[in-house]
Amino acid sequence: MTSATKRSKGEARVGFFECLRDVLIASLIKGQFPAALVATIVLSMIWRMPPADLSKLVSRLFDIAEQKSHVGYVASVVCLAGWFFHARYQRRLIRKLQSNEVGRK
């Protein structure tokens, strides 16, 4: 090993749980913690499933998608519209806060 590849004792190791912690902290700051918590719970449930049950779940999800169910399309349009209006609201709020900051100086 060369000295360039050696890890110093003060250097922090970033692993899965550190990454998960950072994502959850960022979701708290942005107000998206409930969605991140639900996603974490669902992913942990999927992670713990036996392989046979997981293959049945994936097969069932594909069967539902093949039935030409329009629920997914409607849900994606609703999410897109919600994101659009939320982003527009956030931009207005940020612009208002920035104009108030400029007015104070």
Protein backbone atom coordinates (compact mmCIF):
# COMPACT_ATOMS: atom_id res chain seq x y z
CA MET A 1 0.00 0.00 0.00
CA THR A 2 1.27 3.43 -0.82
CA SER A 3 0.91 6.35 1.48
CA ALA A 4 -1.73 7.83 -0.84
CA THR A 5 -4.06 4.86 -0.34
CA LYS A 6 -3.63 4.62 3.44
CA ARG A 7 -6.47 6.02 5.46
CA SER A 8 -5.61 8.44 8.23
CA LYS A 9 -7.04 7.82 11.68
CA GLY A 10 -8.97 11.10 11.66
CA GLU A 11 -10.66 10.42 8.33
CA ALA A 12 -14.31 9.46 8.70
CA ARG A 13 -15.58 6.33 6.99
CA VAL A 14 -18.85 6.84 5.21
CA GLY A 15 -21.00 3.74 5.06
CA PHE A 16 -24.63 2.83 4.50
CA PHE A 17 -25.89 3.90 7.90
CA GLU A 18 -24.04 7.22 7.80
CA CYS A 19 -25.58 7.86 4.38
CA LEU A 20 -29.04 6.92 5.67
CA ARG A 21 -28.56 9.23 8.66
CA ASP A 22 -27.60 12.13 6.38
CA VAL A 23 -30.61 11.54 4.13
CA LEU A 24 -33.00 11.45 7.09
CA ILE A 25 -31.49 14.63 8.56
CA ALA A 26 -31.84 16.38 5.19
CA SER A 27 -35.46 15.23 4.98
CA LEU A 28 -36.10 16.70 8.44
CA ILE A 29 -34.67 20.03 7.33
CA LYS A 30 -36.75 20.07 4.14
CA GLY A 31 -39.98 18.90 5.79
CA GLN A 32 -40.05 15.56 3.96
CA PHE A 33 -39.43 13.33 6.96
CA PRO A 34 -42.78 11.47 6.93
CA ALA A 35 -42.25 10.40 3.32
CA ALA A 36 -38.65 9.38 4.02
CA LEU A 37 -39.77 7.44 7.10
CA VAL A 38 -42.46 5.56 5.18
CA ALA A 39 -39.98 4.79 2.39
CA THR A 40 -37.45 3.53 4.94
CA ILE A 41 -40.04 1.28 6.58
CA VAL A 42 -41.21 -0.14 3.25
CA LEU A 43 -37.64 -0.77 2.10
CA SER A 44 -36.77 -2.48 5.38
CA MET A 45 -39.86 -4.71 5.03
CA ILE A 46 -38.85 -5.64 1.48
CA TRP A 47 -35.26 -6.25 2.62
CA ARG A 48 -36.44 -8.74 5.27
CA MET A 49 -38.73 -10.71 2.93
CA PRO A 50 -37.71 -14.24 1.99
CA PRO A 51 -36.60 -14.55 -1.67
CA ALA A 52 -39.64 -16.66 -2.62
CA ASP A 53 -42.06 -14.05 -1.27
CA LEU A 54 -40.09 -11.25 -2.88
CA SER A 55 -40.29 -12.90 -6.29
CA LYS A 56 -44.06 -13.33 -5.82
CA LEU A 57 -44.36 -9.64 -4.90
CA VAL A 58 -42.40 -8.50 -7.95
CA SER A 59 -44.39 -10.85 -10.18
CA ARG A 60 -47.64 -9.49 -8.78
CA LEU A 61 -46.52 -5.89 -9.31
CA PHE A 62 -45.71 -6.68 -12.95
CA ASP A 63 -49.09 -8.39 -13.36
CA ILE A 64 -50.85 -5.29 -12.06
CA ALA A 65 -48.84 -3.12 -14.45
CA GLU A 66 -49.71 -5.40 -17.38
CA GLN A 67 -53.44 -5.10 -16.66
CA LYS A 68 -53.21 -1.61 -18.10
CA SER A 69 -54.31 -0.13 -14.82
CA HIS A 70 -54.38 3.63 -15.13
CA VAL A 71 -53.90 4.21 -11.43
CA GLY A 72 -50.14 4.56 -11.90
CA TYR A 73 -50.56 7.12 -14.66
CA VAL A 74 -53.01 9.14 -12.59
CA ALA A 75 -50.72 8.96 -9.55
CA SER A 76 -47.73 10.15 -11.58
CA VAL A 77 -49.71 13.10 -12.99
CA VAL A 78 -50.92 14.02 -9.50
CA CYS A 79 -47.34 13.83 -8.16
CA LEU A 80 -46.05 15.91 -11.05
CA ALA A 81 -48.73 18.56 -10.52
CA GLY A 82 -48.08 18.60 -6.78
CA TRP A 83 -44.36 18.99 -7.38
CA PHE A 84 -44.96 21.81 -9.88
CA PHE A 85 -47.19 23.83 -7.56
CA HIS A 86 -44.99 23.18 -4.53
CA ALA A 87 -41.87 24.29 -6.43
CA ARG A 88 -43.65 27.43 -7.62
CA TYR A 89 -44.73 28.19 -4.05
CA GLN A 90 -41.20 27.62 -2.76
CA ARG A 91 -39.70 29.94 -5.40
CA ARG A 92 -42.14 32.69 -4.45
CA LEU A 93 -41.41 32.20 -0.76
CA ILE A 94 -37.65 32.30 -1.32
CA ARG A 95 -37.95 35.40 -3.49
CA LYS A 96 -40.05 37.09 -0.79
CA LEU A 97 -37.53 36.18 1.92
CA GLN A 98 -34.64 37.42 -0.21
CA SER A 99 -36.37 40.74 -0.85
CA ASN A 100 -36.96 41.14 2.89
CA GLU A 101 -33.26 40.46 3.54
CA VAL A 102 -32.24 43.11 1.02
CA GLY A 103 -34.66 45.60 2.59
CA ARG A 104 -33.09 45.18 6.03
CA LYS A 105 -29.55 45.98 4.88
